[in-house]
Amino acid sequence: MKKISLILATLVCGVSFASADVLSFSAGVGIWQENIDGYVKNGDTINYFNNPSAERDGNSNTGNLGLKDKSNPFFWAKIIHPIPILPNIKFQYTKYHSTGHSNYVAGNVKIFDDVRINTALTNADTKMDINSYDITAFYEFNPFFADIEVGAGADIWDGKTKIYDNTSDKEIVNQSFSVILPYVYGHIETMKIFGFSALADIKWAKAGDNHHYDYLGAIKYTIDIPGPVNPFIKVGYRYKEAYGVDGDNTTKLQYKGAFAEIGAKF
């Protein structure tokens, strides 16, 4: 999985220059219901992230980390400027945090080729944390019917996995991992009707067996008040998937669910 940044980086491409008429700053903060799914696999051995039935199927090569769905925060900020050559910038921080318990964890698998689970466990507490630092460079286009953004970026994951074996009363796994997920980027937001608009984001990359998908759709309501600040509220759904293959090791990690957000444009 360490190869993913080199493999996927070839998909980062240039875009036509475009500029905004004025300088603007936008920011938002929200909560995302992160329903976790996916697996780590090495040959015939597989551990799911959140599949309780895998703990009871009687197959010693099939296990489950038992991580639970959680609601976690995110924050983003975006600057759009009138300089034609320079791209605009958006930064987003997302917290991925999940804990759980498993009655059976299979051994001999690795998460993103960095976190190794060597032995099978029959009574374990698990935890996985990821701090996501997502930076996008983009150009803006403003046809009369919508705001359109096109660009590229990278989502940098700084993660840690812990597994505590209750049977032996000791921590078996406490390892960090890092993943860089480059992507091409597209965004569209329709013109407002009675303060309401619809929007969609796509971040996408694929090279060989590796891929990264991040899709978002939402309804936004902008509050019309006097002055330079335009507050808004937003509700929607987001789907995130990272899939990496390194030799015999495969990691597929998914987060999906609804979110709610408040923010403002200045």
C-alpha atoms as a PDB file:
ATOM      1  CA  MET A   1       0.000   0.000   0.000  1.00  0.00           C
ATOM      2  CA  LYS A   2       3.022   2.262   0.375  1.00  0.00           C
ATOM      3  CA  LYS A   3       3.121   2.240  -3.424  1.00  0.00           C
ATOM      4  CA  ILE A   4      -0.291   3.876  -3.715  1.00  0.00           C
ATOM      5  CA  SER A   5       0.964   7.457  -3.719  1.00  0.00           C
ATOM      6  CA  LEU A   6       3.335   6.728  -6.616  1.00  0.00           C
ATOM      7  CA  ILE A   7       0.835   4.706  -8.599  1.00  0.00           C
ATOM      8  CA  LEU A   8      -2.126   7.042  -8.207  1.00  0.00           C
ATOM      9  CA  ALA A   9      -0.139  10.249  -8.614  1.00  0.00           C
ATOM     10  CA  THR A  10      -0.037   9.643 -12.371  1.00  0.00           C
ATOM     11  CA  LEU A  11      -3.739  10.430 -12.435  1.00  0.00           C
ATOM     12  CA  VAL A  12      -3.302  13.986 -11.176  1.00  0.00           C
ATOM     13  CA  CYS A  13      -3.815  16.154 -14.259  1.00  0.00           C
ATOM     14  CA  GLY A  14      -3.909  19.841 -15.183  1.00  0.00           C
ATOM     15  CA  VAL A  15      -6.997  21.918 -15.856  1.00  0.00           C
ATOM     16  CA  SER A  16      -7.822  25.076 -17.790  1.00  0.00           C
ATOM     17  CA  PHE A  17      -7.249  28.377 -16.034  1.00  0.00           C
ATOM     18  CA  ALA A  18     -10.245  30.265 -14.695  1.00  0.00           C
ATOM     19  CA  SER A  19     -10.624  33.072 -12.200  1.00  0.00           C
ATOM     20  CA  ALA A  20     -13.136  34.467  -9.747  1.00  0.00           C
ATOM     21  CA  ASP A  21     -14.298  38.078  -9.907  1.00  0.00           C
ATOM     22  CA  VAL A  22     -13.706  38.735  -6.204  1.00  0.00           C
ATOM     23  CA  LEU A  23     -11.844  37.354  -3.221  1.00  0.00           C
ATOM     24  CA  SER A  24     -13.968  35.084  -1.026  1.00  0.00           C
ATOM     25  CA  PHE A  25     -13.496  32.846   1.973  1.00  0.00           C
ATOM     26  CA  SER A  26     -15.803  29.973   2.955  1.00  0.00           C
ATOM     27  CA  ALA A  27     -15.716  27.562   5.865  1.00  0.00           C
ATOM     28  CA  GLY A  28     -17.892  24.873   7.365  1.00  0.00           C
ATOM     29  CA  VAL A  29     -18.005  22.455  10.279  1.00  0.00           C
ATOM     30  CA  GLY A  30     -20.158  19.380  10.676  1.00  0.00           C
ATOM     31  CA  ILE A  31     -20.794  15.853  11.890  1.00  0.00           C
ATOM     32  CA  TRP A  32     -20.636  12.756   9.662  1.00  0.00           C
ATOM     33  CA  GLN A  33     -22.206   9.396  10.571  1.00  0.00           C
ATOM     34  CA  GLU A  34     -19.329   7.158   9.478  1.00  0.00           C
ATOM     35  CA  ASN A  35     -20.597   3.634   8.835  1.00  0.00           C
ATOM     36  CA  ILE A  36     -17.429   1.567   8.490  1.00  0.00           C
ATOM     37  CA  ASP A  37     -17.101  -1.408   6.147  1.00  0.00           C
ATOM     38  CA  GLY A  38     -14.473  -3.350   4.222  1.00  0.00           C
ATOM     39  CA  TYR A  39     -11.739  -5.867   4.996  1.00  0.00           C
ATOM     40  CA  VAL A  40      -8.030  -6.703   5.094  1.00  0.00           C
ATOM     41  CA  LYS A  41      -6.952  -9.841   3.270  1.00  0.00           C
ATOM     42  CA  ASN A  42      -3.832 -11.947   2.791  1.00  0.00           C
ATOM     43  CA  GLY A  43      -4.346 -14.992   0.557  1.00  0.00           C
ATOM     44  CA  ASP A  44      -7.177 -17.041   2.082  1.00  0.00           C
ATOM     45  CA  THR A  45      -7.078 -15.135   5.383  1.00  0.00           C
ATOM     46  CA  ILE A  46      -9.475 -12.215   5.783  1.00  0.00           C
ATOM     47  CA  ASN A  47     -10.452  -9.885   8.613  1.00  0.00           C
ATOM     48  CA  TYR A  48     -13.498  -7.681   8.160  1.00  0.00           C
ATOM     49  CA  PHE A  49     -13.668  -4.279   9.800  1.00  0.00           C
ATOM     50  CA  ASN A  50     -17.337  -4.561  10.780  1.00  0.00           C
ATOM     51  CA  ASN A  51     -18.971  -7.915  10.074  1.00  0.00           C
ATOM     52  CA  PRO A  52     -20.008  -9.765  13.292  1.00  0.00           C
ATOM     53  CA  SER A  53     -21.120 -12.886  11.404  1.00  0.00           C
ATOM     54  CA  ALA A  54     -17.483 -13.500  10.389  1.00  0.00           C
ATOM     55  CA  GLU A  55     -16.648 -14.187  14.057  1.00  0.00           C
ATOM     56  CA  ARG A  56     -19.086 -17.113  14.155  1.00  0.00           C
ATOM     57  CA  ASP A  57     -18.705 -18.818  10.768  1.00  0.00           C
ATOM     58  CA  GLY A  58     -16.357 -21.522  12.083  1.00  0.00           C
ATOM     59  CA  ASN A  59     -13.608 -20.689   9.587  1.00  0.00           C
ATOM     60  CA  SER A  60     -10.260 -20.047  11.291  1.00  0.00           C
ATOM     61  CA  ASN A  61      -9.150 -17.954   8.304  1.00  0.00           C
ATOM     62  CA  THR A  62     -12.081 -15.547   8.657  1.00  0.00           C
ATOM     63  CA  GLY A  63     -12.247 -12.937  11.405  1.00  0.00           C
ATOM     64  CA  ASN A  64     -13.616  -9.539  12.308  1.00  0.00           C
ATOM     65  CA  LEU A  65     -12.121  -6.481  13.990  1.00  0.00           C
ATOM     66  CA  GLY A  66     -15.552  -5.552  15.324  1.00  0.00           C
ATOM     67  CA  LEU A  67     -15.188  -1.799  14.723  1.00  0.00           C
ATOM     68  CA  LYS A  68     -18.458   0.090  15.225  1.00  0.00           C
ATOM     69  CA  ASP A  69     -20.114   2.886  13.268  1.00  0.00           C
ATOM     70  CA  LYS A  70     -19.399   6.305  14.799  1.00  0.00           C
ATOM     71  CA  SER A  71     -20.331   9.960  14.289  1.00  0.00           C
ATOM     72  CA  ASN A  72     -17.207  12.099  13.889  1.00  0.00           C
ATOM     73  CA  PRO A  73     -16.453  15.769  13.151  1.00  0.00           C
ATOM     74  CA  PHE A  74     -15.047  17.449  10.057  1.00  0.00           C
ATOM     75  CA  PHE A  75     -13.991  20.977   9.155  1.00  0.00           C
ATOM     76  CA  TRP A  76     -13.160  22.670   5.862  1.00  0.00           C
ATOM     77  CA  ALA A  77     -12.030  26.086   4.608  1.00  0.00           C
ATOM     78  CA  LYS A  78     -11.800  27.408   1.045  1.00  0.00           C
ATOM     79  CA  ILE A  79     -10.200  30.515  -0.493  1.00  0.00           C
ATOM     80  CA  ILE A  80     -11.191  31.729  -3.962  1.00  0.00           C
ATOM     81  CA  HIS A  81      -9.182  34.642  -5.390  1.00  0.00           C
ATOM     82  CA  PRO A  82      -9.193  36.718  -8.614  1.00  0.00           C
ATOM     83  CA  ILE A  83      -5.644  35.834  -9.786  1.00  0.00           C
ATOM     84  CA  PRO A  84      -6.107  33.831 -13.034  1.00  0.00           C
ATOM     85  CA  ILE A  85      -2.926  31.729 -13.034  1.00  0.00           C
ATOM     86  CA  LEU A  86      -2.888  30.606  -9.415  1.00  0.00           C
ATOM     87  CA  PRO A  87      -5.300  27.843  -8.356  1.00  0.00           C
ATOM     88  CA  ASN A  88      -7.775  28.309  -5.531  1.00  0.00           C
ATOM     89  CA  ILE A  89      -7.262  26.209  -2.392  1.00  0.00           C
ATOM     90  CA  LYS A  90      -9.515  24.090  -0.187  1.00  0.00           C
ATOM     91  CA  PHE A  91      -8.428  22.309   2.979  1.00  0.00           C
ATOM     92  CA  GLN A  92     -10.508  19.738   4.865  1.00  0.00           C
ATOM     93  CA  TYR A  93      -9.853  17.875   8.089  1.00  0.00           C
ATOM     94  CA  THR A  94     -11.885  14.744   8.845  1.00  0.00           C
ATOM     95  CA  LYS A  95     -11.674  12.575  11.938  1.00  0.00           C
ATOM     96  CA  TYR A  96     -12.166   8.817  11.559  1.00  0.00           C
ATOM     97  CA  HIS A  97     -12.487   7.121  14.934  1.00  0.00           C
ATOM     98  CA  SER A  98     -13.915   3.703  15.737  1.00  0.00           C
ATOM     99  CA  THR A  99     -13.700   1.223  18.603  1.00  0.00           C
ATOM    100  CA  GLY A 100     -15.121  -2.244  19.091  1.00  0.00           C
ATOM    101  CA  HIS A 101     -14.847  -5.778  20.419  1.00  0.00           C
ATOM    102  CA  SER A 102     -14.250  -9.047  18.599  1.00  0.00           C
ATOM    103  CA  ASN A 103     -14.743 -12.657  19.620  1.00  0.00           C
ATOM    104  CA  TYR A 104     -12.362 -13.779  16.864  1.00  0.00           C
ATOM    105  CA  VAL A 105      -9.620 -11.944  14.950  1.00  0.00           C
ATOM    106  CA  ALA A 106      -7.766 -13.947  12.301  1.00  0.00           C
ATOM    107  CA  GLY A 107      -3.960 -13.731  12.199  1.00  0.00           C
ATOM    108  CA  ASN A 108      -1.435 -13.109   9.417  1.00  0.00           C
ATOM    109  CA  VAL A 109      -2.970 -10.017   7.779  1.00  0.00           C
ATOM    110  CA  LYS A 110      -1.758  -6.431   7.353  1.00  0.00           C
ATOM    111  CA  ILE A 111      -3.731  -3.178   7.182  1.00  0.00           C
ATOM    112  CA  PHE A 112      -2.415  -0.980   4.332  1.00  0.00           C
ATOM    113  CA  ASP A 113       0.738  -3.127   4.432  1.00  0.00           C
ATOM    114  CA  ASP A 114       1.828  -1.277   7.609  1.00  0.00           C
ATOM    115  CA  VAL A 115      -0.150  -2.699  10.545  1.00  0.00           C
ATOM    116  CA  ARG A 116       0.507  -6.411  11.052  1.00  0.00           C
ATOM    117  CA  ILE A 117      -1.810  -8.777  12.931  1.00  0.00           C
ATOM    118  CA  ASN A 118       0.357 -11.854  13.441  1.00  0.00           C
ATOM    119  CA  THR A 119      -1.745 -14.204  15.567  1.00  0.00           C
ATOM    120  CA  ALA A 120      -5.399 -15.128  15.932  1.00  0.00           C
ATOM    121  CA  LEU A 121      -7.245 -13.712  18.971  1.00  0.00           C
ATOM    122  CA  THR A 122     -10.479 -14.901  20.572  1.00  0.00           C
ATOM    123  CA  ASN A 123     -11.323 -11.987  22.893  1.00  0.00           C
ATOM    124  CA  ALA A 124     -10.044  -8.623  21.752  1.00  0.00           C
ATOM    125  CA  ASP A 125     -10.819  -4.919  22.071  1.00  0.00           C
ATOM    126  CA  THR A 126     -10.010  -2.926  18.948  1.00  0.00           C
ATOM    127  CA  LYS A 127      -9.506   0.711  18.035  1.00  0.00           C
ATOM    128  CA  MET A 128      -8.649   2.570  14.831  1.00  0.00           C
ATOM    129  CA  ASP A 129      -8.049   6.314  14.491  1.00  0.00           C
ATOM    130  CA  ILE A 130      -7.336   8.232  11.300  1.00  0.00           C
ATOM    131  CA  ASN A 131      -6.638  11.950  10.951  1.00  0.00           C
ATOM    132  CA  SER A 132      -7.364  13.016   7.374  1.00  0.00           C
ATOM    133  CA  TYR A 133      -5.697  16.145   5.950  1.00  0.00           C
ATOM    134  CA  ASP A 134      -7.182  16.830   2.522  1.00  0.00           C
ATOM    135  CA  ILE A 135      -5.793  19.605   0.273  1.00  0.00           C
ATOM    136  CA  THR A 136      -7.338  20.494  -3.108  1.00  0.00           C
ATOM    137  CA  ALA A 137      -6.082  22.956  -5.734  1.00  0.00           C
ATOM    138  CA  PHE A 138      -8.781  23.955  -8.216  1.00  0.00           C
ATOM    139  CA  TYR A 139     -10.026  26.472 -10.751  1.00  0.00           C
ATOM    140  CA  GLU A 140     -13.537  27.915 -10.704  1.00  0.00           C
ATOM    141  CA  PHE A 141     -15.971  28.424 -13.587  1.00  0.00           C
ATOM    142  CA  ASN A 142     -19.193  30.405 -13.284  1.00  0.00           C
ATOM    143  CA  PRO A 143     -21.769  29.711 -15.998  1.00  0.00           C
ATOM    144  CA  PHE A 144     -25.120  31.312 -15.209  1.00  0.00           C
ATOM    145  CA  PHE A 145     -26.721  28.085 -13.971  1.00  0.00           C
ATOM    146  CA  ALA A 146     -24.028  26.802 -11.549  1.00  0.00           C
ATOM    147  CA  ASP A 147     -20.662  27.188  -9.844  1.00  0.00           C
ATOM    148  CA  ILE A 148     -18.178  24.618 -11.153  1.00  0.00           C
ATOM    149  CA  GLU A 149     -14.770  23.673  -9.752  1.00  0.00           C
ATOM    150  CA  VAL A 150     -12.180  21.415 -11.418  1.00  0.00           C
ATOM    151  CA  GLY A 151      -8.786  20.451 -10.033  1.00  0.00           C
ATOM    152  CA  ALA A 152      -6.696  17.863  -8.202  1.00  0.00           C
ATOM    153  CA  GLY A 153      -5.474  17.135  -4.710  1.00  0.00           C
ATOM    154  CA  ALA A 154      -4.383  14.607  -2.130  1.00  0.00           C
ATOM    155  CA  ASP A 155      -5.942  13.196   1.027  1.00  0.00           C
ATOM    156  CA  ILE A 156      -3.237  12.382   3.581  1.00  0.00           C
ATOM    157  CA  TRP A 157      -4.187   9.781   6.206  1.00  0.00           C
ATOM    158  CA  ASP A 158      -2.294   9.558   9.478  1.00  0.00           C
ATOM    159  CA  GLY A 159      -3.666   6.488  11.247  1.00  0.00           C
ATOM    160  CA  LYS A 160      -3.132   4.140  14.177  1.00  0.00           C
ATOM    161  CA  THR A 161      -4.584   0.715  15.000  1.00  0.00           C
ATOM    162  CA  LYS A 162      -4.634  -0.864  18.469  1.00  0.00           C
ATOM    163  CA  ILE A 163      -5.721  -4.375  19.450  1.00  0.00           C
ATOM    164  CA  TYR A 164      -5.829  -5.463  23.082  1.00  0.00           C
ATOM    165  CA  ASP A 165      -5.953  -9.177  23.870  1.00  0.00           C
ATOM    166  CA  ASN A 166      -8.172  -9.661  26.929  1.00  0.00           C
ATOM    167  CA  THR A 167      -7.147 -13.310  27.294  1.00  0.00           C
ATOM    168  CA  SER A 168      -3.454 -12.544  27.842  1.00  0.00           C
ATOM    169  CA  ASP A 169      -4.206  -9.096  29.265  1.00  0.00           C
ATOM    170  CA  LYS A 170      -1.793  -7.257  26.984  1.00  0.00           C
ATOM    171  CA  GLU A 171      -1.728  -5.026  23.917  1.00  0.00           C
ATOM    172  CA  ILE A 172      -0.932  -7.091  20.835  1.00  0.00           C
ATOM    173  CA  VAL A 173      -1.023  -4.365  18.174  1.00  0.00           C
ATOM    174  CA  ASN A 174      -0.155  -0.666  18.513  1.00  0.00           C
ATOM    175  CA  GLN A 175       1.035   0.473  15.106  1.00  0.00           C
ATOM    176  CA  SER A 176       0.744   3.548  12.933  1.00  0.00           C
ATOM    177  CA  PHE A 177       0.119   3.747   9.213  1.00  0.00           C
ATOM    178  CA  SER A 178       0.154   6.502   6.627  1.00  0.00           C
ATOM    179  CA  VAL A 179      -1.564   6.638   3.260  1.00  0.00           C
ATOM    180  CA  ILE A 180      -1.518   9.314   0.549  1.00  0.00           C
ATOM    181  CA  LEU A 181      -4.571   9.289  -1.705  1.00  0.00           C
ATOM    182  CA  PRO A 182      -4.168  11.579  -4.753  1.00  0.00           C
ATOM    183  CA  TYR A 183      -7.255  12.373  -6.846  1.00  0.00           C
ATOM    184  CA  VAL A 184      -8.777  14.443  -9.598  1.00  0.00           C
ATOM    185  CA  TYR A 185     -11.572  16.691  -8.354  1.00  0.00           C
ATOM    186  CA  GLY A 186     -14.892  18.024  -9.593  1.00  0.00           C
ATOM    187  CA  HIS A 187     -17.599  20.086  -7.877  1.00  0.00           C
ATOM    188  CA  ILE A 188     -20.882  21.586  -9.018  1.00  0.00           C
ATOM    189  CA  GLU A 189     -23.426  23.690  -7.139  1.00  0.00           C
ATOM    190  CA  THR A 190     -26.636  24.785  -8.830  1.00  0.00           C
ATOM    191  CA  MET A 191     -27.990  28.311  -8.755  1.00  0.00           C
ATOM    192  CA  LYS A 192     -30.094  29.119  -5.673  1.00  0.00           C
ATOM    193  CA  ILE A 193     -33.885  28.955  -5.795  1.00  0.00           C
ATOM    194  CA  PHE A 194     -35.554  30.465  -2.702  1.00  0.00           C
ATOM    195  CA  GLY A 195     -32.216  30.027  -0.945  1.00  0.00           C
ATOM    196  CA  PHE A 196     -31.889  26.314  -1.786  1.00  0.00           C
ATOM    197  CA  SER A 197     -29.225  24.772  -4.008  1.00  0.00           C
ATOM    198  CA  ALA A 198     -28.006  21.254  -4.785  1.00  0.00           C
ATOM    199  CA  LEU A 199     -24.360  20.293  -4.937  1.00  0.00           C
ATOM    200  CA  ALA A 200     -22.127  17.315  -5.677  1.00  0.00           C
ATOM    201  CA  ASP A 201     -18.409  16.568  -5.201  1.00  0.00           C
ATOM    202  CA  ILE A 202     -16.313  13.838  -6.735  1.00  0.00           C
ATOM    203  CA  LYS A 203     -12.735  12.870  -5.906  1.00  0.00           C
ATOM    204  CA  TRP A 204     -11.519   9.967  -8.003  1.00  0.00           C
ATOM    205  CA  ALA A 205      -8.337   8.041  -8.778  1.00  0.00           C
ATOM    206  CA  LYS A 206      -7.588   4.581 -10.141  1.00  0.00           C
ATOM    207  CA  ALA A 207      -4.365   2.907 -11.206  1.00  0.00           C
ATOM    208  CA  GLY A 208      -4.051  -0.837 -11.661  1.00  0.00           C
ATOM    209  CA  ASP A 209      -5.587  -2.622  -8.678  1.00  0.00           C
ATOM    210  CA  ASN A 210      -5.541   0.501  -6.496  1.00  0.00           C
ATOM    211  CA  HIS A 211      -8.309   3.080  -6.333  1.00  0.00           C
ATOM    212  CA  HIS A 212      -9.720   5.927  -4.253  1.00  0.00           C
ATOM    213  CA  TYR A 213     -13.346   7.106  -4.513  1.00  0.00           C
ATOM    214  CA  ASP A 214     -14.930   9.967  -2.567  1.00  0.00           C
ATOM    215  CA  TYR A 215     -18.475  11.004  -3.529  1.00  0.00           C
ATOM    216  CA  LEU A 216     -20.690  13.599  -1.857  1.00  0.00           C
ATOM    217  CA  GLY A 217     -24.192  14.908  -2.568  1.00  0.00           C
ATOM    218  CA  ALA A 218     -26.067  17.522  -0.542  1.00  0.00           C
ATOM    219  CA  ILE A 219     -28.827  20.092  -0.293  1.00  0.00           C
ATOM    220  CA  LYS A 220     -27.750  23.538   0.888  1.00  0.00           C
ATOM    221  CA  TYR A 221     -29.813  26.410   2.260  1.00  0.00           C
ATOM    222  CA  THR A 222     -28.188  29.850   2.275  1.00  0.00           C
ATOM    223  CA  ILE A 223     -29.600  32.378   4.741  1.00  0.00           C
ATOM    224  CA  ASP A 224     -30.062  35.769   3.109  1.00  0.00           C
ATOM    225  CA  ILE A 225     -29.106  38.467   5.620  1.00  0.00           C
ATOM    226  CA  PRO A 226     -27.736  42.010   5.142  1.00  0.00           C
ATOM    227  CA  GLY A 227     -23.973  42.340   5.170  1.00  0.00           C
ATOM    228  CA  PRO A 228     -20.957  40.513   3.733  1.00  0.00           C
ATOM    229  CA  VAL A 229     -21.552  37.201   5.537  1.00  0.00           C
ATOM    230  CA  ASN A 230     -23.784  34.510   4.015  1.00  0.00           C
ATOM    231  CA  PRO A 231     -24.452  31.701   6.531  1.00  0.00           C
ATOM    232  CA  PHE A 232     -25.662  28.327   5.287  1.00  0.00           C
ATOM    233  CA  ILE A 233     -26.731  24.909   6.460  1.00  0.00           C
ATOM    234  CA  LYS A 234     -26.160  21.700   4.546  1.00  0.00           C
ATOM    235  CA  VAL A 235     -27.328  18.088   4.763  1.00  0.00           C
ATOM    236  CA  GLY A 236     -26.204  15.242   2.559  1.00  0.00           C
ATOM    237  CA  TYR A 237     -24.567  11.852   2.091  1.00  0.00           C
ATOM    238  CA  ARG A 238     -20.901  10.950   1.610  1.00  0.00           C
ATOM    239  CA  TYR A 239     -19.193   7.743   0.457  1.00  0.00           C
ATOM    240  CA  LYS A 240     -15.437   7.213   0.851  1.00  0.00           C
ATOM    241  CA  GLU A 241     -13.449   4.161  -0.270  1.00  0.00           C
ATOM    242  CA  ALA A 242      -9.727   3.391  -0.328  1.00  0.00           C
ATOM    243  CA  TYR A 243      -8.571   0.138  -1.923  1.00  0.00           C
ATOM    244  CA  GLY A 244      -4.936  -0.920  -2.090  1.00  0.00           C
ATOM    245  CA  VAL A 245      -3.065  -4.061  -3.124  1.00  0.00           C
ATOM    246  CA  ASP A 246       0.561  -4.743  -2.194  1.00  0.00           C
ATOM    247  CA  GLY A 247       1.696  -8.259  -3.070  1.00  0.00           C
ATOM    248  CA  ASP A 248      -0.653 -10.735  -1.368  1.00  0.00           C
ATOM    249  CA  ASN A 249      -2.060  -8.068   0.948  1.00  0.00           C
ATOM    250  CA  THR A 250      -5.283  -6.212   0.162  1.00  0.00           C
ATOM    251  CA  THR A 251      -7.023  -3.475   2.167  1.00  0.00           C
ATOM    252  CA  LYS A 252     -10.499  -2.196   1.361  1.00  0.00           C
ATOM    253  CA  LEU A 253     -11.753   0.467   3.760  1.00  0.00           C
ATOM    254  CA  GLN A 254     -15.110   2.200   3.344  1.00  0.00           C
ATOM    255  CA  TYR A 255     -16.870   4.979   5.235  1.00  0.00           C
ATOM    256  CA  LYS A 256     -20.390   6.029   4.251  1.00  0.00           C
ATOM    257  CA  GLY A 257     -23.330   7.856   5.770  1.00  0.00           C
ATOM    258  CA  ALA A 258     -25.287  11.064   6.198  1.00  0.00           C
ATOM    259  CA  PHE A 259     -23.798  14.358   7.415  1.00  0.00           C
ATOM    260  CA  ALA A 260     -24.997  17.752   8.628  1.00  0.00           C
ATOM    261  CA  GLU A 261     -23.017  20.983   8.428  1.00  0.00           C
ATOM    262  CA  ILE A 262     -23.176  24.686   9.194  1.00  0.00           C
ATOM    263  CA  GLY A 263     -20.930  27.325   7.657  1.00  0.00           C
ATOM    264  CA  ALA A 264     -20.614  30.723   6.063  1.00  0.00           C
ATOM    265  CA  LYS A 265     -19.187  32.501   3.030  1.00  0.00           C
ATOM    266  CA  PHE A 266     -17.420  35.832   3.521  1.00  0.00           C
END
